[in-house]
């Protein structure tokens, strides 16, 4: 949750920049200044530009910087689908349980089942 809060803590200051990006021709002067300042503050290397380098450099730069704020949506989608926990015990889940389920559900770790099975001791009769 900490990364989410950090990413969106100053989201309101981006509103004029996003408005400028959506329609640069109907924007107030102060928003244009904010977009220019935003473009100067954040330096971002961009590859595979779709627009010509000489045309609309500020618009292109601001667009890529806004896009970089959001990262990949794959992790968000996989988290939301993992949160859809359907079991008879779901009402007993605590925040700690949900956190563990989310970590396990979105992890790329693949357990070595054979090693785990070999380590299990079978119950012996007394």
C-alpha atoms as a PDB file:
ATOM      1  CA  UNK A   1       0.000   0.000   0.000  1.00  0.00           C
ATOM      2  CA  UNK A   2       2.962   2.294   0.598  1.00  0.00           C
ATOM      3  CA  UNK A   3       3.875   2.352  -3.111  1.00  0.00           C
ATOM      4  CA  UNK A   4       0.270   3.188  -4.012  1.00  0.00           C
ATOM      5  CA  UNK A   5       0.232   6.109  -1.586  1.00  0.00           C
ATOM      6  CA  UNK A   6       3.582   7.413  -2.830  1.00  0.00           C
ATOM      7  CA  UNK A   7       2.515   7.209  -6.462  1.00  0.00           C
ATOM      8  CA  UNK A   8      -0.746   9.112  -5.981  1.00  0.00           C
ATOM      9  CA  UNK A   9       0.055  11.493  -3.118  1.00  0.00           C
ATOM     10  CA  UNK A  10       0.502  14.492  -5.420  1.00  0.00           C
ATOM     11  CA  UNK A  11      -2.006  13.399  -8.028  1.00  0.00           C
ATOM     12  CA  UNK A  12      -4.042  16.593  -7.706  1.00  0.00           C
ATOM     13  CA  UNK A  13      -1.079  18.676  -8.890  1.00  0.00           C
ATOM     14  CA  UNK A  14      -1.088  16.656 -12.129  1.00  0.00           C
ATOM     15  CA  UNK A  15      -4.663  17.621 -12.979  1.00  0.00           C
ATOM     16  CA  UNK A  16      -3.702  20.698 -15.025  1.00  0.00           C
ATOM     17  CA  UNK A  17      -0.972  18.711 -16.758  1.00  0.00           C
ATOM     18  CA  UNK A  18      -3.399  15.961 -17.716  1.00  0.00           C
ATOM     19  CA  UNK A  19      -5.888  18.577 -18.936  1.00  0.00           C
ATOM     20  CA  UNK A  20      -3.140  20.091 -21.058  1.00  0.00           C
ATOM     21  CA  UNK A  21      -2.263  16.676 -22.443  1.00  0.00           C
ATOM     22  CA  UNK A  22      -5.873  15.818 -23.280  1.00  0.00           C
ATOM     23  CA  UNK A  23      -6.527  19.072 -25.126  1.00  0.00           C
ATOM     24  CA  UNK A  24      -3.588  21.492 -25.359  1.00  0.00           C
ATOM     25  CA  UNK A  25      -5.620  24.118 -27.238  1.00  0.00           C
ATOM     26  CA  UNK A  26      -8.225  24.828 -24.540  1.00  0.00           C
ATOM     27  CA  UNK A  27      -6.077  25.263 -21.483  1.00  0.00           C
ATOM     28  CA  UNK A  28      -5.336  28.146 -19.150  1.00  0.00           C
ATOM     29  CA  UNK A  29      -1.964  29.849 -19.097  1.00  0.00           C
ATOM     30  CA  UNK A  30      -1.187  28.600 -15.570  1.00  0.00           C
ATOM     31  CA  UNK A  31      -1.699  24.981 -16.633  1.00  0.00           C
ATOM     32  CA  UNK A  32       0.718  25.461 -19.518  1.00  0.00           C
ATOM     33  CA  UNK A  33       3.289  26.769 -17.052  1.00  0.00           C
ATOM     34  CA  UNK A  34       2.671  23.770 -14.804  1.00  0.00           C
ATOM     35  CA  UNK A  35       3.122  21.399 -17.736  1.00  0.00           C
ATOM     36  CA  UNK A  36       6.366  23.118 -18.707  1.00  0.00           C
ATOM     37  CA  UNK A  37       7.642  22.928 -15.138  1.00  0.00           C
ATOM     38  CA  UNK A  38       6.608  19.286 -14.904  1.00  0.00           C
ATOM     39  CA  UNK A  39       8.503  18.534 -18.112  1.00  0.00           C
ATOM     40  CA  UNK A  40      11.627  20.221 -16.750  1.00  0.00           C
ATOM     41  CA  UNK A  41      11.529  18.540 -13.341  1.00  0.00           C
ATOM     42  CA  UNK A  42      11.229  14.954 -14.518  1.00  0.00           C
ATOM     43  CA  UNK A  43      13.828  13.805 -17.025  1.00  0.00           C
ATOM     44  CA  UNK A  44      12.856  10.667 -18.898  1.00  0.00           C
ATOM     45  CA  UNK A  45      14.641   8.892 -21.704  1.00  0.00           C
ATOM     46  CA  UNK A  46      12.205   7.955 -24.418  1.00  0.00           C
ATOM     47  CA  UNK A  47      12.743   5.360 -27.113  1.00  0.00           C
ATOM     48  CA  UNK A  48      10.647   4.623 -30.193  1.00  0.00           C
ATOM     49  CA  UNK A  49       9.002   8.017 -30.506  1.00  0.00           C
ATOM     50  CA  UNK A  50       5.888   8.027 -32.616  1.00  0.00           C
ATOM     51  CA  UNK A  51       5.887  11.770 -33.197  1.00  0.00           C
ATOM     52  CA  UNK A  52       8.567  13.581 -35.149  1.00  0.00           C
ATOM     53  CA  UNK A  53      11.291  15.010 -32.929  1.00  0.00           C
ATOM     54  CA  UNK A  54      10.802  18.585 -34.158  1.00  0.00           C
ATOM     55  CA  UNK A  55       7.026  18.624 -33.793  1.00  0.00           C
ATOM     56  CA  UNK A  56       5.247  18.988 -30.442  1.00  0.00           C
ATOM     57  CA  UNK A  57       8.265  18.289 -28.195  1.00  0.00           C
ATOM     58  CA  UNK A  58       6.568  19.498 -25.005  1.00  0.00           C
ATOM     59  CA  UNK A  59       3.352  17.584 -25.650  1.00  0.00           C
ATOM     60  CA  UNK A  60       5.288  14.400 -26.409  1.00  0.00           C
ATOM     61  CA  UNK A  61       7.489  14.830 -23.340  1.00  0.00           C
ATOM     62  CA  UNK A  62       4.568  15.482 -20.991  1.00  0.00           C
ATOM     63  CA  UNK A  63       2.626  12.539 -22.434  1.00  0.00           C
ATOM     64  CA  UNK A  64       5.427  10.100 -21.761  1.00  0.00           C
ATOM     65  CA  UNK A  65       5.943  11.475 -18.269  1.00  0.00           C
ATOM     66  CA  UNK A  66       2.257  11.097 -17.428  1.00  0.00           C
ATOM     67  CA  UNK A  67       2.303   7.570 -18.807  1.00  0.00           C
ATOM     68  CA  UNK A  68       5.349   6.710 -16.697  1.00  0.00           C
ATOM     69  CA  UNK A  69       3.413   7.602 -13.523  1.00  0.00           C
ATOM     70  CA  UNK A  70       1.146   4.613 -13.951  1.00  0.00           C
ATOM     71  CA  UNK A  71       3.574   1.806 -14.746  1.00  0.00           C
ATOM     72  CA  UNK A  72       2.181  -1.536 -15.761  1.00  0.00           C
ATOM     73  CA  UNK A  73      -1.433  -2.425 -15.093  1.00  0.00           C
ATOM     74  CA  UNK A  74      -0.718  -6.171 -15.110  1.00  0.00           C
ATOM     75  CA  UNK A  75       0.092  -6.303 -11.405  1.00  0.00           C
ATOM     76  CA  UNK A  76      -3.022  -4.280 -10.512  1.00  0.00           C
ATOM     77  CA  UNK A  77      -5.277  -6.577 -12.548  1.00  0.00           C
ATOM     78  CA  UNK A  78      -3.733  -9.714 -11.109  1.00  0.00           C
ATOM     79  CA  UNK A  79      -4.106  -8.329  -7.576  1.00  0.00           C
ATOM     80  CA  UNK A  80      -7.784  -7.590  -8.127  1.00  0.00           C
ATOM     81  CA  UNK A  81      -8.463 -11.058  -9.513  1.00  0.00           C
ATOM     82  CA  UNK A  82      -6.541 -12.628  -6.623  1.00  0.00           C
ATOM     83  CA  UNK A  83      -8.644 -10.683  -4.109  1.00  0.00           C
ATOM     84  CA  UNK A  84     -11.730 -12.471  -5.421  1.00  0.00           C
ATOM     85  CA  UNK A  85     -11.330 -15.238  -2.853  1.00  0.00           C
ATOM     86  CA  UNK A  86     -14.226 -17.665  -2.843  1.00  0.00           C
ATOM     87  CA  UNK A  87     -14.222 -20.108  -0.007  1.00  0.00           C
ATOM     88  CA  UNK A  88     -16.398 -21.051   2.921  1.00  0.00           C
ATOM     89  CA  UNK A  89     -13.907 -19.357   5.277  1.00  0.00           C
ATOM     90  CA  UNK A  90     -13.633 -16.001   3.505  1.00  0.00           C
ATOM     91  CA  UNK A  91     -15.495 -14.163   6.285  1.00  0.00           C
ATOM     92  CA  UNK A  92     -12.721 -15.197   8.686  1.00  0.00           C
ATOM     93  CA  UNK A  93      -9.936 -13.652   6.614  1.00  0.00           C
ATOM     94  CA  UNK A  94      -8.023 -10.874   8.328  1.00  0.00           C
ATOM     95  CA  UNK A  95      -5.892  -8.193   6.701  1.00  0.00           C
ATOM     96  CA  UNK A  96      -2.861 -10.349   7.401  1.00  0.00           C
ATOM     97  CA  UNK A  97      -4.466 -13.335   5.644  1.00  0.00           C
ATOM     98  CA  UNK A  98      -5.431 -11.191   2.668  1.00  0.00           C
ATOM     99  CA  UNK A  99      -1.916  -9.781   2.470  1.00  0.00           C
ATOM    100  CA  UNK A 100      -0.484 -13.310   2.448  1.00  0.00           C
ATOM    101  CA  UNK A 101      -2.978 -14.417  -0.209  1.00  0.00           C
ATOM    102  CA  UNK A 102      -2.088 -11.442  -2.400  1.00  0.00           C
ATOM    103  CA  UNK A 103       1.641 -12.098  -2.041  1.00  0.00           C
ATOM    104  CA  UNK A 104       1.198 -15.774  -2.875  1.00  0.00           C
ATOM    105  CA  UNK A 105      -1.190 -15.074  -5.730  1.00  0.00           C
ATOM    106  CA  UNK A 106       1.001 -12.537  -7.499  1.00  0.00           C
ATOM    107  CA  UNK A 107       4.370 -14.144  -6.827  1.00  0.00           C
ATOM    108  CA  UNK A 108       6.359 -15.644  -9.679  1.00  0.00           C
ATOM    109  CA  UNK A 109       7.843 -18.225  -7.301  1.00  0.00           C
ATOM    110  CA  UNK A 110       7.288 -21.808  -8.424  1.00  0.00           C
ATOM    111  CA  UNK A 111       7.693 -24.331  -5.601  1.00  0.00           C
ATOM    112  CA  UNK A 112       9.614 -27.547  -6.180  1.00  0.00           C
ATOM    113  CA  UNK A 113       6.876 -29.987  -5.209  1.00  0.00           C
ATOM    114  CA  UNK A 114       9.126 -33.062  -5.362  1.00  0.00           C
ATOM    115  CA  UNK A 115      11.550 -31.636  -2.777  1.00  0.00           C
ATOM    116  CA  UNK A 116       8.655 -30.701  -0.490  1.00  0.00           C
ATOM    117  CA  UNK A 117       7.134 -34.186  -0.767  1.00  0.00           C
ATOM    118  CA  UNK A 118      10.495 -35.834  -0.039  1.00  0.00           C
ATOM    119  CA  UNK A 119      10.863 -33.811   3.180  1.00  0.00           C
ATOM    120  CA  UNK A 120       7.479 -34.869   4.593  1.00  0.00           C
ATOM    121  CA  UNK A 121       7.638 -37.555   7.251  1.00  0.00           C
ATOM    122  CA  UNK A 122       4.825 -40.021   7.047  1.00  0.00           C
ATOM    123  CA  UNK A 123       3.069 -40.822  10.308  1.00  0.00           C
ATOM    124  CA  UNK A 124       4.272 -44.013  11.829  1.00  0.00           C
ATOM    125  CA  UNK A 125       2.259 -46.332  14.011  1.00  0.00           C
ATOM    126  CA  UNK A 126       3.136 -46.336  17.689  1.00  0.00           C
END
